[in-house]
Amino acid sequence: MSEDNLITFYKSVFRPVTEYACEAWQASITKDQRAIIEAMQRQAFDIIYRRGYDHDVACIHGNLSQLLDRCNDITRRLLMYAMKPNNYLHSLLPE
C-alpha cells in the first residue's frame, strides 16, 4: 500500500480507536500510559513510512499531531462548546 493509503487507514481506523472517549480519560492517565499510547503511534508510523523517521518528523510529514496533543484539543473543543450558555451541557458545569 502507498503511504497515502496507509495514512488514510491510520486516520480512519487506528486513530479513532486510540482517541475514543479521550475527553473522559485524558486528564487522568499516568505518564506510563501516555508513553504506551505514543509508542503505539510510533509503531504505526514505522509501518507507514518504513524510513525510520523520528516521531516528530513523521507527524510533520503526515500532517498529523501527536495522539495526546490531539486528545487535548478534542477535550478543549468539548469544553468550549459546553461553556456556551445556550448549550445543553452548560447546566452540568459548575459556576
PDB file of N, CA and C in Angstrom:
ATOM      1  N   MET A   1       0.835  -1.188   0.000  1.00  0.00           N
ATOM      2  CA  MET A   1       0.000   0.000   0.000  1.00  0.00           C
ATOM      3  C   MET A   1       0.875   1.246   0.000  1.00  0.00           C
ATOM      4  N   SER A   2       0.364   2.291  -0.571  1.00  0.00           N
ATOM      5  CA  SER A   2       1.117   3.544  -0.610  1.00  0.00           C
ATOM      6  C   SER A   2       1.039   4.231   0.759  1.00  0.00           C
ATOM      7  N   GLU A   3       1.939   5.171   0.976  1.00  0.00           N
ATOM      8  CA  GLU A   3       1.918   5.950   2.224  1.00  0.00           C
ATOM      9  C   GLU A   3       0.591   6.671   2.395  1.00  0.00           C
ATOM     10  N   ASP A   4       0.068   7.237   1.309  1.00  0.00           N
ATOM     11  CA  ASP A   4      -1.208   7.959   1.394  1.00  0.00           C
ATOM     12  C   ASP A   4      -2.339   7.042   1.844  1.00  0.00           C
ATOM     13  N   ASN A   5      -2.384   5.831   1.295  1.00  0.00           N
ATOM     14  CA  ASN A   5      -3.418   4.879   1.708  1.00  0.00           C
ATOM     15  C   ASN A   5      -3.238   4.455   3.160  1.00  0.00           C
ATOM     16  N   LEU A   6      -2.007   4.258   3.578  1.00  0.00           N
ATOM     17  CA  LEU A   6      -1.752   3.872   4.965  1.00  0.00           C
ATOM     18  C   LEU A   6      -2.116   5.007   5.922  1.00  0.00           C
ATOM     19  N   ILE A   7      -1.838   6.247   5.533  1.00  0.00           N
ATOM     20  CA  ILE A   7      -2.222   7.396   6.363  1.00  0.00           C
ATOM     21  C   ILE A   7      -3.747   7.469   6.458  1.00  0.00           C
ATOM     22  N   THR A   8      -4.429   7.258   5.361  1.00  0.00           N
ATOM     23  CA  THR A   8      -5.896   7.261   5.374  1.00  0.00           C
ATOM     24  C   THR A   8      -6.422   6.167   6.294  1.00  0.00           C
ATOM     25  N   PHE A   9      -5.831   4.981   6.218  1.00  0.00           N
ATOM     26  CA  PHE A   9      -6.224   3.888   7.104  1.00  0.00           C
ATOM     27  C   PHE A   9      -5.961   4.270   8.557  1.00  0.00           C
ATOM     28  N   TYR A  10      -4.791   4.830   8.819  1.00  0.00           N
ATOM     29  CA  TYR A  10      -4.430   5.251  10.175  1.00  0.00           C
ATOM     30  C   TYR A  10      -5.459   6.251  10.710  1.00  0.00           C
ATOM     31  N   LYS A  11      -5.799   7.251   9.907  1.00  0.00           N
ATOM     32  CA  LYS A  11      -6.740   8.286  10.353  1.00  0.00           C
ATOM     33  C   LYS A  11      -8.157   7.750  10.538  1.00  0.00           C
ATOM     34  N   SER A  12      -8.556   6.780   9.731  1.00  0.00           N
ATOM     35  CA  SER A  12      -9.938   6.321   9.790  1.00  0.00           C
ATOM     36  C   SER A  12     -10.162   5.115  10.695  1.00  0.00           C
ATOM     37  N   VAL A  13      -9.115   4.353  10.995  1.00  0.00           N
ATOM     38  CA  VAL A  13      -9.288   3.150  11.812  1.00  0.00           C
ATOM     39  C   VAL A  13      -8.488   3.226  13.118  1.00  0.00           C
ATOM     40  N   PHE A  14      -7.204   3.446  13.018  1.00  0.00           N
ATOM     41  CA  PHE A  14      -6.348   3.388  14.200  1.00  0.00           C
ATOM     42  C   PHE A  14      -6.587   4.554  15.157  1.00  0.00           C
ATOM     43  N   ARG A  15      -6.527   5.749  14.635  1.00  0.00           N
ATOM     44  CA  ARG A  15      -6.631   6.934  15.486  1.00  0.00           C
ATOM     45  C   ARG A  15      -7.961   7.027  16.227  1.00  0.00           C
ATOM     46  N   PRO A  16      -9.111   6.772  15.595  1.00  0.00           N
ATOM     47  CA  PRO A  16     -10.365   6.835  16.353  1.00  0.00           C
ATOM     48  C   PRO A  16     -10.421   5.858  17.529  1.00  0.00           C
ATOM     49  N   VAL A  17      -9.806   4.694  17.370  1.00  0.00           N
ATOM     50  CA  VAL A  17      -9.804   3.714  18.461  1.00  0.00           C
ATOM     51  C   VAL A  17      -8.968   4.226  19.630  1.00  0.00           C
ATOM     52  N   THR A  18      -7.816   4.797  19.332  1.00  0.00           N
ATOM     53  CA  THR A  18      -6.938   5.274  20.410  1.00  0.00           C
ATOM     54  C   THR A  18      -7.452   6.550  21.066  1.00  0.00           C
ATOM     55  N   GLU A  19      -8.296   7.294  20.353  1.00  0.00           N
ATOM     56  CA  GLU A  19      -8.831   8.545  20.902  1.00  0.00           C
ATOM     57  C   GLU A  19     -10.213   8.391  21.522  1.00  0.00           C
ATOM     58  N   TYR A  20     -10.790   7.207  21.457  1.00  0.00           N
ATOM     59  CA  TYR A  20     -12.162   7.008  21.885  1.00  0.00           C
ATOM     60  C   TYR A  20     -12.371   7.487  23.330  1.00  0.00           C
ATOM     61  N   ALA A  21     -13.317   8.370  23.521  1.00  0.00           N
ATOM     62  CA  ALA A  21     -13.704   8.913  24.827  1.00  0.00           C
ATOM     63  C   ALA A  21     -12.539   9.600  25.546  1.00  0.00           C
ATOM     64  N   CYS A  22     -11.612  10.160  24.780  1.00  0.00           N
ATOM     65  CA  CYS A  22     -10.444  10.789  25.404  1.00  0.00           C
ATOM     66  C   CYS A  22     -10.825  11.968  26.299  1.00  0.00           C
ATOM     67  N   GLU A  23     -11.980  12.563  26.049  1.00  0.00           N
ATOM     68  CA  GLU A  23     -12.427  13.666  26.916  1.00  0.00           C
ATOM     69  C   GLU A  23     -12.591  13.187  28.355  1.00  0.00           C
ATOM     70  N   ALA A  24     -12.926  11.923  28.521  1.00  0.00           N
ATOM     71  CA  ALA A  24     -13.147  11.376  29.858  1.00  0.00           C
ATOM     72  C   ALA A  24     -11.861  10.893  30.523  1.00  0.00           C
ATOM     73  N   TRP A  25     -10.916  10.366  29.758  1.00  0.00           N
ATOM     74  CA  TRP A  25      -9.760   9.741  30.380  1.00  0.00           C
ATOM     75  C   TRP A  25      -8.453  10.506  30.272  1.00  0.00           C
ATOM     76  N   GLN A  26      -8.328  11.430  29.341  1.00  0.00           N
ATOM     77  CA  GLN A  26      -7.005  12.012  29.063  1.00  0.00           C
ATOM     78  C   GLN A  26      -6.394  12.772  30.227  1.00  0.00           C
ATOM     79  N   ALA A  27      -7.196  13.344  31.091  1.00  0.00           N
ATOM     80  CA  ALA A  27      -6.641  14.106  32.216  1.00  0.00           C
ATOM     81  C   ALA A  27      -6.178  13.213  33.362  1.00  0.00           C
ATOM     82  N   SER A  28      -6.568  11.949  33.340  1.00  0.00           N
ATOM     83  CA  SER A  28      -6.258  11.089  34.485  1.00  0.00           C
ATOM     84  C   SER A  28      -5.299   9.946  34.175  1.00  0.00           C
ATOM     85  N   ILE A  29      -4.761   9.872  32.972  1.00  0.00           N
ATOM     86  CA  ILE A  29      -3.853   8.771  32.679  1.00  0.00           C
ATOM     87  C   ILE A  29      -2.461   9.072  33.227  1.00  0.00           C
ATOM     88  N   THR A  30      -1.729   8.014  33.493  1.00  0.00           N
ATOM     89  CA  THR A  30      -0.397   8.155  34.068  1.00  0.00           C
ATOM     90  C   THR A  30       0.640   8.434  32.977  1.00  0.00           C
ATOM     91  N   LYS A  31       1.821   8.791  33.417  1.00  0.00           N
ATOM     92  CA  LYS A  31       2.917   9.047  32.487  1.00  0.00           C
ATOM     93  C   LYS A  31       3.254   7.787  31.688  1.00  0.00           C
ATOM     94  N   ASP A  32       3.214   6.635  32.343  1.00  0.00           N
ATOM     95  CA  ASP A  32       3.488   5.374  31.653  1.00  0.00           C
ATOM     96  C   ASP A  32       2.424   5.070  30.602  1.00  0.00           C
ATOM     97  N   GLN A  33       1.168   5.341  30.928  1.00  0.00           N
ATOM     98  CA  GLN A  33       0.097   5.117  29.964  1.00  0.00           C
ATOM     99  C   GLN A  33       0.227   6.056  28.768  1.00  0.00           C
ATOM    100  N   ARG A  34       0.630   7.291  29.027  1.00  0.00           N
ATOM    101  CA  ARG A  34       0.877   8.228  27.926  1.00  0.00           C
ATOM    102  C   ARG A  34       1.981   7.706  27.012  1.00  0.00           C
ATOM    103  N   ALA A  35       3.027   7.166  27.620  1.00  0.00           N
ATOM    104  CA  ALA A  35       4.143   6.632  26.837  1.00  0.00           C
ATOM    105  C   ALA A  35       3.692   5.454  25.976  1.00  0.00           C
ATOM    106  N   ILE A  36       2.816   4.622  26.501  1.00  0.00           N
ATOM    107  CA  ILE A  36       2.303   3.478  25.741  1.00  0.00           C
ATOM    108  C   ILE A  36       1.499   3.958  24.541  1.00  0.00           C
ATOM    109  N   ILE A  37       0.654   4.961  24.753  1.00  0.00           N
ATOM    110  CA  ILE A  37      -0.159   5.485  23.652  1.00  0.00           C
ATOM    111  C   ILE A  37       0.727   6.068  22.556  1.00  0.00           C
ATOM    112  N   GLU A  38       1.709   6.850  22.934  1.00  0.00           N
ATOM    113  CA  GLU A  38       2.605   7.431  21.928  1.00  0.00           C
ATOM    114  C   GLU A  38       3.455   6.357  21.259  1.00  0.00           C
ATOM    115  N   ALA A  39       3.815   5.289  22.003  1.00  0.00           N
ATOM    116  CA  ALA A  39       4.584   4.190  21.402  1.00  0.00           C
ATOM    117  C   ALA A  39       3.763   3.492  20.321  1.00  0.00           C
ATOM    118  N   MET A  40       2.450   3.368  20.542  1.00  0.00           N
ATOM    119  CA  MET A  40       1.584   2.778  19.517  1.00  0.00           C
ATOM    120  C   MET A  40       1.595   3.625  18.255  1.00  0.00           C
ATOM    121  N   GLN A  41       1.566   4.956  18.431  1.00  0.00           N
ATOM    122  CA  GLN A  41       1.605   5.833  17.259  1.00  0.00           C
ATOM    123  C   GLN A  41       2.955   5.717  16.560  1.00  0.00           C
ATOM    124  N   ARG A  42       4.032   5.637  17.314  1.00  0.00           N
ATOM    125  CA  ARG A  42       5.350   5.483  16.701  1.00  0.00           C
ATOM    126  C   ARG A  42       5.436   4.194  15.881  1.00  0.00           C
ATOM    127  N   GLN A  43       4.864   3.106  16.413  1.00  0.00           N
ATOM    128  CA  GLN A  43       4.863   1.839  15.679  1.00  0.00           C
ATOM    129  C   GLN A  43       4.076   1.965  14.377  1.00  0.00           C
ATOM    130  N   ALA A  44       2.947   2.641  14.447  1.00  0.00           N
ATOM    131  CA  ALA A  44       2.144   2.846  13.233  1.00  0.00           C
ATOM    132  C   ALA A  44       2.951   3.645  12.213  1.00  0.00           C
ATOM    133  N   PHE A  45       3.653   4.668  12.652  1.00  0.00           N
ATOM    134  CA  PHE A  45       4.455   5.471  11.730  1.00  0.00           C
ATOM    135  C   PHE A  45       5.612   4.669  11.154  1.00  0.00           C
ATOM    136  N   ASP A  46       6.195   3.781  11.956  1.00  0.00           N
ATOM    137  CA  ASP A  46       7.264   2.926  11.428  1.00  0.00           C
ATOM    138  C   ASP A  46       6.747   2.043  10.301  1.00  0.00           C
ATOM    139  N   ILE A  47       5.516   1.564  10.431  1.00  0.00           N
ATOM    140  CA  ILE A  47       4.910   0.734   9.391  1.00  0.00           C
ATOM    141  C   ILE A  47       4.585   1.583   8.161  1.00  0.00           C
ATOM    142  N   ILE A  48       4.037   2.761   8.388  1.00  0.00           N
ATOM    143  CA  ILE A  48       3.625   3.626   7.282  1.00  0.00           C
ATOM    144  C   ILE A  48       4.818   4.116   6.474  1.00  0.00           C
ATOM    145  N   TYR A  49       5.836   4.622   7.147  1.00  0.00           N
ATOM    146  CA  TYR A  49       6.923   5.294   6.441  1.00  0.00           C
ATOM    147  C   TYR A  49       8.102   4.406   6.099  1.00  0.00           C
ATOM    148  N   ARG A  50       8.348   3.376   6.862  1.00  0.00           N
ATOM    149  CA  ARG A  50       9.433   2.426   6.588  1.00  0.00           C
ATOM    150  C   ARG A  50      10.786   3.104   6.395  1.00  0.00           C
ATOM    151  N   ARG A  51      10.902   4.350   6.819  1.00  0.00           N
ATOM    152  CA  ARG A  51      12.148   5.085   6.622  1.00  0.00           C
ATOM    153  C   ARG A  51      12.851   5.389   7.932  1.00  0.00           C
ATOM    154  N   GLY A  52      12.262   5.020   9.036  1.00  0.00           N
ATOM    155  CA  GLY A  52      12.879   5.295  10.308  1.00  0.00           C
ATOM    156  C   GLY A  52      12.842   6.764  10.686  1.00  0.00           C
ATOM    157  N   TYR A  53      11.781   7.467  10.244  1.00  0.00           N
ATOM    158  CA  TYR A  53      11.636   8.867  10.626  1.00  0.00           C
ATOM    159  C   TYR A  53      11.569   9.007  12.140  1.00  0.00           C
ATOM    160  N   ASP A  54      12.098  10.092  12.630  1.00  0.00           N
ATOM    161  CA  ASP A  54      11.863  10.479  14.009  1.00  0.00           C
ATOM    162  C   ASP A  54      10.360  10.719  14.165  1.00  0.00           C
ATOM    163  N   HIS A  55       9.835  10.472  15.344  1.00  0.00           N
ATOM    164  CA  HIS A  55       8.389  10.591  15.591  1.00  0.00           C
ATOM    165  C   HIS A  55       7.862  11.975  15.214  1.00  0.00           C
ATOM    166  N   ASP A  56       8.559  13.015  15.612  1.00  0.00           N
ATOM    167  CA  ASP A  56       8.112  14.377  15.295  1.00  0.00           C
ATOM    168  C   ASP A  56       8.164  14.652  13.796  1.00  0.00           C
ATOM    169  N   VAL A  57       9.193  14.153  13.126  1.00  0.00           N
ATOM    170  CA  VAL A  57       9.311  14.333  11.679  1.00  0.00           C
ATOM    171  C   VAL A  57       8.181  13.586  10.970  1.00  0.00           C
ATOM    172  N   ALA A  58       7.856  12.393  11.457  1.00  0.00           N
ATOM    173  CA  ALA A  58       6.760  11.621  10.863  1.00  0.00           C
ATOM    174  C   ALA A  58       5.434  12.360  11.026  1.00  0.00           C
ATOM    175  N   CYS A  59       5.222  12.982  12.177  1.00  0.00           N
ATOM    176  CA  CYS A  59       3.996  13.770  12.394  1.00  0.00           C
ATOM    177  C   CYS A  59       3.919  14.914  11.386  1.00  0.00           C
ATOM    178  N   ILE A  60       5.023  15.604  11.195  1.00  0.00           N
ATOM    179  CA  ILE A  60       5.059  16.723  10.254  1.00  0.00           C
ATOM    180  C   ILE A  60       4.855  16.213   8.827  1.00  0.00           C
ATOM    181  N   HIS A  61       5.549  15.152   8.477  1.00  0.00           N
ATOM    182  CA  HIS A  61       5.465  14.607   7.117  1.00  0.00           C
ATOM    183  C   HIS A  61       4.039  14.171   6.785  1.00  0.00           C
ATOM    184  N   GLY A  62       3.343  13.563   7.750  1.00  0.00           N
ATOM    185  CA  GLY A  62       1.986  13.100   7.515  1.00  0.00           C
ATOM    186  C   GLY A  62       0.921  14.123   7.852  1.00  0.00           C
ATOM    187  N   ASN A  63       1.354  15.327   8.221  1.00  0.00           N
ATOM    188  CA  ASN A  63       0.428  16.385   8.631  1.00  0.00           C
ATOM    189  C   ASN A  63      -0.492  15.899   9.754  1.00  0.00           C
ATOM    190  N   LEU A  64       0.129  15.259  10.756  1.00  0.00           N
ATOM    191  CA  LEU A  64      -0.591  14.691  11.891  1.00  0.00           C
ATOM    192  C   LEU A  64      -0.050  15.281  13.186  1.00  0.00           C
ATOM    193  N   SER A  65      -0.878  15.274  14.198  1.00  0.00           N
ATOM    194  CA  SER A  65      -0.401  15.695  15.514  1.00  0.00           C
ATOM    195  C   SER A  65      -0.208  14.462  16.373  1.00  0.00           C
ATOM    196  N   GLN A  66       0.544  14.621  17.451  1.00  0.00           N
ATOM    197  CA  GLN A  66       0.702  13.508  18.370  1.00  0.00           C
ATOM    198  C   GLN A  66      -0.659  13.196  18.985  1.00  0.00           C
ATOM    199  N   LEU A  67      -0.871  11.929  19.306  1.00  0.00           N
ATOM    200  CA  LEU A  67      -2.176  11.497  19.799  1.00  0.00           C
ATOM    201  C   LEU A  67      -2.621  12.274  21.030  1.00  0.00           C
ATOM    202  N   LEU A  68      -1.729  12.465  21.971  1.00  0.00           N
ATOM    203  CA  LEU A  68      -2.138  13.139  23.202  1.00  0.00           C
ATOM    204  C   LEU A  68      -2.386  14.629  22.987  1.00  0.00           C
ATOM    205  N   ASP A  69      -1.665  15.235  22.062  1.00  0.00           N
ATOM    206  CA  ASP A  69      -1.961  16.633  21.718  1.00  0.00           C
ATOM    207  C   ASP A  69      -3.339  16.728  21.087  1.00  0.00           C
ATOM    208  N   ARG A  70      -3.656  15.772  20.239  1.00  0.00           N
ATOM    209  CA  ARG A  70      -4.971  15.748  19.603  1.00  0.00           C
ATOM    210  C   ARG A  70      -6.074  15.523  20.648  1.00  0.00           C
ATOM    211  N   CYS A  71      -5.831  14.644  21.609  1.00  0.00           N
ATOM    212  CA  CYS A  71      -6.814  14.417  22.678  1.00  0.00           C
ATOM    213  C   CYS A  71      -7.033  15.692  23.490  1.00  0.00           C
ATOM    214  N   ASN A  72      -5.977  16.415  23.768  1.00  0.00           N
ATOM    215  CA  ASN A  72      -6.119  17.690  24.482  1.00  0.00           C
ATOM    216  C   ASN A  72      -6.963  18.672  23.672  1.00  0.00           C
ATOM    217  N   ASP A  73      -6.739  18.723  22.379  1.00  0.00           N
ATOM    218  CA  ASP A  73      -7.531  19.621  21.524  1.00  0.00           C
ATOM    219  C   ASP A  73      -9.000  19.212  21.491  1.00  0.00           C
ATOM    220  N   ILE A  74      -9.264  17.919  21.399  1.00  0.00           N
ATOM    221  CA  ILE A  74     -10.643  17.425  21.392  1.00  0.00           C
ATOM    222  C   ILE A  74     -11.337  17.794  22.696  1.00  0.00           C
ATOM    223  N   THR A  75     -10.653  17.603  23.810  1.00  0.00           N
ATOM    224  CA  THR A  75     -11.225  17.926  25.120  1.00  0.00           C
ATOM    225  C   THR A  75     -11.466  19.424  25.242  1.00  0.00           C
ATOM    226  N   ARG A  76     -10.519  20.214  24.793  1.00  0.00           N
ATOM    227  CA  ARG A  76     -10.664  21.672  24.847  1.00  0.00           C
ATOM    228  C   ARG A  76     -11.870  22.135  24.025  1.00  0.00           C
ATOM    229  N   ARG A  77     -12.039  21.557  22.838  1.00  0.00           N
ATOM    230  CA  ARG A  77     -13.184  21.914  21.989  1.00  0.00           C
ATOM    231  C   ARG A  77     -14.508  21.547  22.651  1.00  0.00           C
ATOM    232  N   LEU A  78     -14.560  20.389  23.311  1.00  0.00           N
ATOM    233  CA  LEU A  78     -15.783  19.989  24.002  1.00  0.00           C
ATOM    234  C   LEU A  78     -16.106  20.957  25.127  1.00  0.00           C
ATOM    235  N   LEU A  79     -15.104  21.339  25.893  1.00  0.00           N
ATOM    236  CA  LEU A  79     -15.341  22.268  27.000  1.00  0.00           C
ATOM    237  C   LEU A  79     -15.763  23.643  26.497  1.00  0.00           C
ATOM    238  N   MET A  80     -15.149  24.118  25.423  1.00  0.00           N
ATOM    239  CA  MET A  80     -15.553  25.410  24.867  1.00  0.00           C
ATOM    240  C   MET A  80     -16.993  25.341  24.361  1.00  0.00           C
ATOM    241  N   TYR A  81     -17.359  24.227  23.776  1.00  0.00           N
ATOM    242  CA  TYR A  81     -18.720  24.023  23.291  1.00  0.00           C
ATOM    243  C   TYR A  81     -19.698  23.985  24.469  1.00  0.00           C
ATOM    244  N   ALA A  82     -19.320  23.287  25.538  1.00  0.00           N
ATOM    245  CA  ALA A  82     -20.198  23.151  26.708  1.00  0.00           C
ATOM    246  C   ALA A  82     -20.344  24.455  27.475  1.00  0.00           C
ATOM    247  N   MET A  83     -19.377  25.352  27.359  1.00  0.00           N
ATOM    248  CA  MET A  83     -19.418  26.601  28.112  1.00  0.00           C
ATOM    249  C   MET A  83     -20.371  27.631  27.510  1.00  0.00           C
ATOM    250  N   LYS A  84     -20.840  27.384  26.313  1.00  0.00           N
ATOM    251  CA  LYS A  84     -21.802  28.315  25.709  1.00  0.00           C
ATOM    252  C   LYS A  84     -23.109  28.249  26.492  1.00  0.00           C
ATOM    253  N   PRO A  85     -23.643  29.385  26.917  1.00  0.00           N
ATOM    254  CA  PRO A  85     -24.842  29.396  27.770  1.00  0.00           C
ATOM    255  C   PRO A  85     -26.060  28.690  27.175  1.00  0.00           C
ATOM    256  N   ASN A  86     -26.193  28.676  25.869  1.00  0.00           N
ATOM    257  CA  ASN A  86     -27.356  28.026  25.269  1.00  0.00           C
ATOM    258  C   ASN A  86     -27.146  26.537  25.008  1.00  0.00           C
ATOM    259  N   ASN A  87     -26.010  25.982  25.425  1.00  0.00           N
ATOM    260  CA  ASN A  87     -25.711  24.583  25.215  1.00  0.00           C
ATOM    261  C   ASN A  87     -26.345  23.736  26.313  1.00  0.00           C
ATOM    262  N   TYR A  88     -26.844  22.571  25.952  1.00  0.00           N
ATOM    263  CA  TYR A  88     -27.473  21.698  26.933  1.00  0.00           C
ATOM    264  C   TYR A  88     -26.484  21.166  27.966  1.00  0.00           C
ATOM    265  N   LEU A  89     -25.206  21.124  27.669  1.00  0.00           N
ATOM    266  CA  LEU A  89     -24.200  20.683  28.629  1.00  0.00           C
ATOM    267  C   LEU A  89     -23.848  21.771  29.639  1.00  0.00           C
ATOM    268  N   HIS A  90     -24.172  23.005  29.319  1.00  0.00           N
ATOM    269  CA  HIS A  90     -23.788  24.133  30.155  1.00  0.00           C
ATOM    270  C   HIS A  90     -24.311  23.993  31.579  1.00  0.00           C
ATOM    271  N   SER A  91     -25.513  23.483  31.735  1.00  0.00           N
ATOM    272  CA  SER A  91     -26.104  23.346  33.076  1.00  0.00           C
ATOM    273  C   SER A  91     -25.371  22.326  33.936  1.00  0.00           C
ATOM    274  N   LEU A  92     -24.567  21.452  33.333  1.00  0.00           N
ATOM    275  CA  LEU A  92     -23.815  20.448  34.084  1.00  0.00           C
ATOM    276  C   LEU A  92     -22.500  20.974  34.648  1.00  0.00           C
ATOM    277  N   LEU A  93     -22.058  22.116  34.157  1.00  0.00           N
ATOM    278  CA  LEU A  93     -20.785  22.689  34.596  1.00  0.00           C
ATOM    279  C   LEU A  93     -20.961  23.466  35.895  1.00  0.00           C
ATOM    280  N   PRO A  94     -19.933  23.433  36.755  1.00  0.00           N
ATOM    281  CA  PRO A  94     -20.008  24.267  37.969  1.00  0.00           C
ATOM    282  C   PRO A  94     -19.926  25.743  37.586  1.00  0.00           C
ATOM    283  N   GLU A  95     -20.461  26.596  38.432  1.00  0.00           N
ATOM    284  CA  GLU A  95     -20.468  28.045  38.112  1.00  0.00           C
ATOM    285  C   GLU A  95     -19.101  28.645  38.133  1.00  0.00           C
TER     286      GLU A  95
END
